[in-house]
Protein backbone atom coordinates (compact mmCIF):
# COMPACT_ATOMS: atom_id res chain seq x y z
CA MET A 1 -6.47 32.36 -24.66
CA SER A 2 -9.60 30.53 -26.53
CA ILE A 3 -12.93 31.63 -24.28
CA LEU A 4 -15.14 28.02 -23.02
CA ALA A 5 -17.56 29.53 -25.22
CA ASP A 6 -15.38 28.86 -27.78
CA VAL A 7 -14.59 24.97 -26.65
CA ALA A 8 -18.26 24.38 -26.38
CA ARG A 9 -18.82 25.87 -29.89
CA LEU A 10 -16.12 23.46 -31.77
CA ALA A 11 -17.22 20.28 -29.81
CA GLY A 12 -21.25 21.01 -30.58
CA VAL A 13 -21.96 21.30 -26.72
CA SER A 14 -23.76 23.75 -24.45
CA LYS A 15 -21.04 26.04 -22.52
CA SER A 16 -22.38 24.53 -19.21
CA THR A 17 -21.27 20.83 -20.71
CA ALA A 18 -18.14 22.37 -21.91
CA SER A 19 -17.89 23.09 -18.25
CA ARG A 20 -18.93 20.06 -16.55
CA ALA A 21 -16.43 18.76 -18.70
CA LEU A 22 -13.34 20.20 -18.23
CA SER A 23 -14.33 20.74 -14.44
CA GLY A 24 -15.42 16.95 -13.60
CA ARG A 25 -18.24 18.30 -11.69
CA GLY A 26 -21.33 16.61 -13.10
CA TYR A 27 -22.27 14.37 -15.08
CA VAL A 28 -21.50 13.67 -19.10
CA SER A 29 -20.62 10.70 -20.57
CA ASP A 30 -17.39 9.64 -21.55
CA GLU A 31 -17.70 10.37 -25.47
CA THR A 32 -18.48 13.57 -25.06
CA ARG A 33 -16.09 14.71 -22.21
CA MET A 34 -13.72 13.28 -24.79
CA ARG A 35 -14.85 15.65 -27.50
CA VAL A 36 -14.89 18.71 -25.01
CA GLU A 37 -11.02 17.83 -24.12
CA GLU A 38 -9.72 17.45 -27.41
CA ALA A 39 -11.55 20.80 -28.62
CA ALA A 40 -10.30 22.55 -25.38
CA SER A 41 -6.91 20.86 -26.63
CA GLU A 42 -6.73 22.23 -30.27
CA LEU A 43 -7.41 25.85 -28.89
CA GLY A 44 -5.27 26.25 -26.05
CA TYR A 45 -7.73 26.76 -23.70
CA VAL A 46 -6.80 25.63 -19.90
CA VAL A 47 -9.55 25.83 -17.10
CA SER A 48 -7.73 27.89 -14.09
CA SER A 49 -7.75 26.08 -11.07
CA ALA A 50 -8.26 28.81 -9.12
CA ALA A 51 -11.29 29.79 -10.63
CA ALA A 52 -12.82 26.44 -10.51
CA SER A 53 -11.64 25.95 -6.93
CA LEU A 54 -13.77 29.49 -6.28
CA VAL A 55 -16.98 27.83 -8.05
CA THR A 56 -17.33 24.16 -7.02
CA GLY A 57 -15.41 24.66 -3.41
CA ARG A 58 -12.93 22.37 -3.89
CA THR A 59 -9.48 22.29 -5.10
CA ARG A 60 -9.28 19.16 -7.03
CA ASN A 61 -6.45 17.89 -4.88
CA VAL A 62 -5.89 14.76 -2.82
CA ALA A 63 -3.70 14.41 0.37
CA VAL A 64 -1.47 11.41 1.22
CA VAL A 65 0.47 10.93 4.55
CA ILE A 66 2.58 7.73 4.84
CA PRO A 67 5.43 6.76 6.61
CA TYR A 68 8.22 5.81 4.13
CA ILE A 69 8.69 7.18 0.05
CA ASN A 70 11.60 5.16 0.24
CA ARG A 71 11.01 1.48 0.48
CA TRP A 72 9.66 -0.76 -2.35
CA TYR A 73 5.84 -1.25 -0.83
CA PHE A 74 5.19 2.19 0.10
CA ALA A 75 6.70 3.56 -3.63
CA GLU A 76 4.30 0.98 -5.42
CA VAL A 77 1.34 2.14 -3.46
CA LEU A 78 2.07 5.32 -4.32
CA GLU A 79 2.11 4.96 -7.90
CA GLY A 80 -0.94 3.39 -7.59
CA ILE A 81 -2.30 6.04 -6.09
CA GLU A 82 -1.12 8.67 -8.11
CA ALA A 83 -1.90 7.25 -11.38
CA SER A 84 -5.46 6.84 -10.35
CA LEU A 85 -5.82 10.46 -9.20
CA ILE A 86 -4.50 11.34 -12.35
CA ARG A 87 -6.86 9.99 -14.53
CA GLY A 88 -9.53 11.10 -11.95
CA GLY A 89 -8.59 14.27 -12.32
CA TYR A 90 -6.86 14.86 -9.09
CA ASP A 91 -3.51 16.26 -7.78
CA LEU A 92 -1.38 14.69 -5.18
CA THR A 93 -0.10 16.27 -2.35
CA LEU A 94 2.47 13.85 -0.02
CA TYR A 95 3.12 14.68 3.57
CA ARG A 96 5.50 12.23 4.99
CA LEU A 97 4.92 11.09 8.84
CA SER A 98 8.17 10.27 11.00
CA THR A 99 7.58 9.33 14.62
CA ASP A 100 7.92 13.05 14.95
CA LEU A 101 4.71 13.72 17.39
CA ASP A 102 5.17 17.24 16.72
CA LEU A 103 5.41 16.86 13.39
CA ARG A 104 2.42 15.02 12.69
CA ARG A 105 0.59 17.07 14.91
CA ARG A 106 1.36 19.89 12.21
CA VAL A 107 0.75 18.44 9.84
CA PHE A 108 -2.96 17.25 10.96
CA ASP A 109 -3.59 20.47 13.02
CA TYR A 110 -2.69 22.90 9.97
CA PHE A 111 -1.64 21.58 6.81
CA LEU A 112 -4.45 19.38 6.21
CA VAL A 113 -7.10 21.36 7.88
CA ARG A 114 -6.74 24.25 5.37
CA LYS A 115 -8.73 24.54 2.47
CA ARG A 116 -5.55 23.02 0.30
CA VAL A 117 -6.57 19.74 -0.23
CA ASP A 118 -10.52 17.96 -0.61
CA ALA A 119 -9.65 14.67 0.77
CA VAL A 120 -7.20 12.22 2.58
CA ILE A 121 -5.62 8.85 2.14
CA SER A 122 -3.71 7.15 4.85
CA VAL A 123 -0.99 4.65 3.84
CA ALA A 124 0.22 2.61 6.94
CA ILE A 125 -0.60 5.03 9.73
CA ASP A 126 -3.48 4.47 12.20
CA LEU A 127 -5.32 7.97 12.23
CA SER A 128 -6.44 8.67 15.76
CA PRO A 129 -10.34 9.75 16.37
CA HIS A 130 -9.05 13.04 16.93
CA GLU A 131 -7.63 12.79 13.73
CA VAL A 132 -10.64 11.49 12.12
CA GLN A 133 -13.23 12.97 13.57
CA MET A 134 -11.30 16.58 12.84
CA LEU A 135 -10.83 15.50 9.42
CA GLN A 136 -14.88 14.74 8.84
CA ALA A 137 -15.93 18.13 10.57
CA LEU A 138 -14.31 20.23 7.99
CA GLY A 139 -15.84 17.80 5.41
CA LYS A 140 -12.84 16.17 3.76
CA PRO A 141 -13.37 12.18 3.05
CA LEU A 142 -10.66 9.90 4.22
CA VAL A 143 -9.56 6.28 3.07
CA GLY A 144 -7.39 4.28 4.46
CA ILE A 145 -4.83 1.48 3.58
CA GLY A 146 -2.77 -0.69 5.92
CA GLY A 147 -5.75 -2.12 9.10
CA ARG A 148 -8.88 -0.88 10.77
CA ILE A 149 -9.01 2.35 11.17
CA GLU A 150 -12.54 3.19 13.08
CA GLY A 151 -15.02 5.44 11.18
CA ILE A 152 -13.55 5.50 8.03
CA PRO A 153 -13.33 3.05 4.58
CA THR A 154 -10.05 1.13 5.11
CA LEU A 155 -8.01 -1.92 3.41
CA SER A 156 -5.70 -4.19 4.07
CA ILE A 157 -4.67 -7.80 3.37
CA ASP A 158 -4.84 -10.29 6.35
CA ASP A 159 -1.38 -10.18 7.85
CA VAL A 160 -2.00 -13.14 9.89
CA GLU A 161 -3.81 -15.23 7.24
CA THR A 162 -1.29 -14.19 5.00
CA ALA A 163 1.82 -15.51 7.50
CA ARG A 164 -0.16 -18.91 7.87
CA VAL A 165 -0.33 -19.67 4.76
CA ALA A 166 3.18 -18.93 3.77
CA THR A 167 4.21 -21.07 6.94
CA GLU A 168 1.97 -24.27 5.94
CA HIS A 169 3.52 -24.11 2.90
CA LEU A 170 6.84 -24.66 4.10
CA LEU A 171 5.43 -26.91 6.46
CA SER A 172 3.84 -29.34 3.32
CA LEU A 173 7.34 -29.86 2.18
CA GLY A 174 8.10 -31.71 5.37
CA HIS A 175 10.01 -28.77 7.09
CA THR A 176 10.04 -28.52 10.98
CA ARG A 177 13.16 -27.01 11.97
CA ILE A 178 11.43 -23.15 10.29
CA LEU A 179 12.73 -20.04 11.23
CA HIS A 180 10.81 -16.85 10.74
CA ILE A 181 13.23 -14.15 10.26
CA GLY A 182 10.81 -10.81 10.56
CA GLY A 183 10.43 -7.27 11.82
CA ASP A 184 11.25 -5.95 15.39
CA GLN A 185 8.64 -7.18 17.69
CA HIS A 186 9.47 -4.08 19.60
CA GLU A 187 9.68 -1.42 16.87
CA GLN A 188 6.04 -2.15 15.44
CA MET A 189 4.82 -0.10 12.19
CA ASP A 190 1.40 1.00 12.74
CA PHE A 191 -1.12 -1.81 12.75
CA ARG A 192 1.48 -3.90 14.59
CA VAL A 193 2.11 -5.64 10.54
CA HIS A 194 5.23 -7.42 12.68
CA SER A 195 3.49 -8.95 15.02
CA GLN A 196 0.36 -9.93 12.94
CA ARG A 197 3.02 -11.73 10.76
CA TYR A 198 4.97 -13.77 13.92
CA THR A 199 1.06 -14.53 14.83
CA GLY A 200 0.30 -16.43 11.57
CA PHE A 201 3.48 -18.29 11.70
CA THR A 202 3.51 -19.68 15.56
CA ARG A 203 -0.20 -20.86 14.70
CA ALA A 204 0.64 -22.33 11.67
CA LEU A 205 3.62 -24.22 13.17
CA ARG A 206 1.72 -25.13 16.97
CA ALA A 207 -1.70 -26.37 14.51
CA ALA A 208 1.19 -28.88 13.22
CA GLY A 209 2.39 -29.96 16.24
CA VAL A 210 5.40 -28.05 16.07
CA GLU A 211 7.74 -26.20 18.22
CA ALA A 212 7.40 -22.71 17.86
CA GLU A 213 9.77 -21.80 21.25
CA GLY A 214 12.95 -19.57 19.67
CA ALA A 215 12.06 -20.01 16.45
CA PHE A 216 12.49 -16.21 15.57
CA ARG A 217 15.13 -13.63 14.89
CA SER A 218 14.05 -9.84 14.41
CA ALA A 219 15.92 -7.96 11.13
CA GLU A 220 15.11 -4.63 9.37
CA PHE A 221 12.63 -4.92 7.08
CA SER A 222 15.01 -4.36 4.32
CA ILE A 223 17.52 -6.07 1.62
CA GLU A 224 20.70 -5.02 3.99
CA GLY A 225 18.47 -6.18 7.26
CA GLY A 226 17.75 -9.82 5.52
CA TYR A 227 21.77 -10.31 4.59
CA GLN A 228 22.71 -9.15 7.92
CA VAL A 229 20.73 -11.31 9.92
CA GLY A 230 20.81 -14.08 6.93
CA LEU A 231 24.76 -14.48 7.74
CA SER A 232 24.25 -14.85 11.36
CA VAL A 233 21.52 -17.42 11.49
CA LEU A 234 23.11 -19.28 8.41
CA GLY A 235 26.87 -20.17 9.63
CA ASP A 236 26.87 -22.61 11.94
CA PRO A 237 25.08 -26.11 9.81
CA ARG A 238 24.72 -27.50 13.44
CA THR A 239 21.62 -24.68 14.19
CA ARG A 240 20.89 -24.08 10.90
CA PRO A 241 17.00 -23.95 9.93
CA THR A 242 16.17 -25.82 6.56
CA ALA A 243 13.61 -23.49 5.70
CA ILE A 244 12.94 -19.81 6.40
CA PHE A 245 9.93 -17.58 6.64
CA ALA A 246 10.97 -13.86 5.83
CA GLY A 247 8.62 -11.06 7.09
CA CYS A 248 8.85 -9.51 3.51
CA ASP A 249 10.44 -10.06 0.46
CA GLU A 250 12.84 -7.93 0.86
CA ILE A 251 14.13 -9.66 3.90
CA GLY A 252 14.04 -12.82 1.62
CA ILE A 253 16.36 -11.50 -1.19
CA GLY A 254 18.73 -10.44 1.36
CA ILE A 255 18.68 -14.05 2.87
CA THR A 256 18.98 -15.77 -0.44
CA ILE A 257 21.84 -13.40 -0.79
CA ALA A 258 23.55 -14.62 1.91
CA ALA A 259 22.85 -18.19 1.65
CA ARG A 260 24.86 -17.70 -1.97
CA GLN A 261 27.89 -15.84 -0.04
CA LEU A 262 28.30 -19.19 2.09
CA GLY A 263 27.78 -21.81 -0.14
CA ILE A 264 24.48 -23.03 1.00
CA SER A 265 22.26 -24.37 -2.14
CA VAL A 266 18.81 -22.92 -2.23
CA PRO A 267 16.13 -24.41 -2.06
CA HIS A 268 18.24 -28.05 -1.69
CA GLU A 269 19.62 -27.20 1.61
CA LEU A 270 17.59 -23.97 2.15
CA SER A 271 14.07 -22.95 1.50
CA ILE A 272 13.09 -19.64 1.26
CA ILE A 273 9.85 -18.11 1.14
CA GLY A 274 8.45 -13.89 1.48
CA ILE A 275 5.61 -11.83 1.61
CA ASP A 276 5.20 -8.65 -0.87
CA GLY A 277 5.53 -9.89 -4.67
CA HIS A 278 8.40 -7.44 -5.13
CA PRO A 279 9.95 -7.71 -8.61
CA ILE A 280 13.65 -8.71 -7.54
CA ALA A 281 12.10 -11.63 -5.68
CA GLU A 282 10.58 -12.74 -9.67
CA MET A 283 14.19 -12.58 -10.82
CA LEU A 284 15.78 -14.37 -7.80
CA GLY A 285 12.83 -16.92 -7.93
CA LEU A 286 11.93 -16.65 -4.21
CA THR A 287 8.56 -18.14 -3.55
CA THR A 288 5.87 -15.18 -2.05
CA LEU A 289 2.72 -14.14 -0.91
CA ALA A 290 1.91 -11.54 -3.83
CA GLN A 291 -0.18 -8.64 -2.25
CA ARG A 292 0.07 -6.06 -5.32
CA PRO A 293 0.54 -2.78 -3.50
CA GLY A 294 -0.05 -0.87 -6.77
CA ASN A 295 -3.56 -2.24 -6.27
CA GLN A 296 -4.40 -1.58 -3.14
CA GLY A 297 -3.56 2.23 -3.87
CA ALA A 298 -6.00 2.57 -7.14
CA ARG A 299 -8.72 0.76 -5.07
CA ALA A 300 -8.05 3.52 -2.11
CA VAL A 301 -8.91 6.25 -5.01
CA GLU A 302 -11.84 4.45 -6.06
CA LEU A 303 -13.39 4.75 -2.33
CA LEU A 304 -12.04 8.17 -2.21
CA LEU A 305 -13.42 9.26 -5.34
CA SER A 306 -16.49 7.42 -4.41
CA GLN A 307 -17.23 9.59 -0.88
CA LEU A 308 -16.31 12.68 -3.29
CA GLU A 309 -19.18 12.20 -6.02
CA HIS A 310 -21.39 11.39 -2.76
CA ALA A 311 -20.63 14.18 -0.40
CA ASP A 312 -24.09 13.90 1.57
CA ALA A 313 -24.18 10.57 1.81
CA THR A 314 -22.88 9.16 5.56
CA PRO A 315 -19.29 8.04 5.34
CA PRO A 316 -19.18 4.38 4.88
CA ASN A 317 -17.20 2.34 7.71
CA GLU A 318 -15.82 -1.00 6.26
CA HIS A 319 -13.10 -2.83 6.42
CA GLU A 320 -12.18 -4.28 2.73
CA VAL A 321 -9.29 -7.10 3.06
CA LEU A 322 -7.85 -7.83 0.11
CA PRO A 323 -6.48 -11.29 -1.36
CA THR A 324 -2.68 -12.48 -1.62
CA GLU A 325 -1.63 -14.98 -3.78
CA LEU A 326 0.55 -17.80 -3.40
CA ALA A 327 3.52 -17.58 -6.57
CA VAL A 328 5.35 -21.04 -5.87
CA ARG A 329 8.82 -20.55 -7.40
CA THR A 330 12.15 -22.14 -6.99
CA SER A 331 13.15 -21.45 -3.94
CA THR A 332 11.14 -23.63 -1.81
CA ALA A 333 11.38 -27.38 -2.45
CA ALA A 334 10.75 -30.69 -0.21
CA GLN A 335 12.79 -31.51 2.79
CA ARG A 336 15.80 -34.07 1.96
C-alpha cells in the first residue's frame, strides 16, 4: 500500500498538509483537499481510522439516539443526519431507545461513555440533566432535535403555533364543526408533541369563538391509526365534522382513505389538513404544514460539527425554532 509521502508528492503538497486533508484535522482549502483525495484514490491509500483516532483522540463517529426507526419522520431525520455526517467525514452509530428504562441507562451509562463516539445527536428524546452532564463531562458535544433541553443547543418546530395555523386555515374556510384527531394525550412522546398540537388547536378555536369541548379523538400516529378512527367518526352523517385537523400527515392519509371508502367526498363534504409534508400526502392532495425533517437532521449536524471544531469554547445553550410552510392542496375547501 502506498504511504502518505507518496500521496503528498503526487498532490504537490507537504506530508503534513496531506495528513490534515485526509484526516479532517486542521484547515486546508477545498481545492487542496480535493487534490489530496484524488491522489490518495489514485494510489489506493486509505487512512487508518484506528491510527487517526490514536493521533487525534477522535473516532470520527457520531451517535444518534432515537425512539423509532420505522416511522417516516424519524427515517427522514436520520437520512438528513447521515448524508451530512458523510459529507463531513463522520460515521454514524445508531441507538434506538425504547421505553425500557434499564435499556436507556445501559446506553447512556455504558455505550456512550466509552470512547466509541465523538458526539451525540438526540432525536425526540428529552435528555435528563444527569445524561447531559455525564456526556459533557466526557467532552462529548450534544445536539437535540424535538424540543428544548437545558444546557445544549436544540432545534424543533413550534408545535403549538403549527397546530394553530392548521386550525386557522380550516376556520378561514368557514368550518366550525372541526375535529382534531391526534396522538393519545395519555401516551405522550417526549416533549409532549401530542398535547402541544392539541393546545394549538384549542387556542385557535377559542380565539374564533368556536366550542372546543369534545372536539378531539385520539389515534395511533400512523396511517392505520387514522384509518381506524376515521371509520368510527365519519360513519354517522348526523355527527360527522365538516373538517378534520390530523395530528400528523399519516393520520390524515388514513382518514382520507376511510372517507373514500365511506363514499365521503374530500373536500366537498370533508376537509382534511395535517402536519409533516409526507410524500404520500402530496400524492393524495392533502393540505399540510410541511416541516422538512431531513433539513432538521442536516441542521443538527451543522450545530454539532461547529462544537467539534471549537472544542475549547463554551457549549451553546440555544433553542432554534424551525419554520413550517402551509401547503394548500385539494383536501381543503370552503364550507358549503
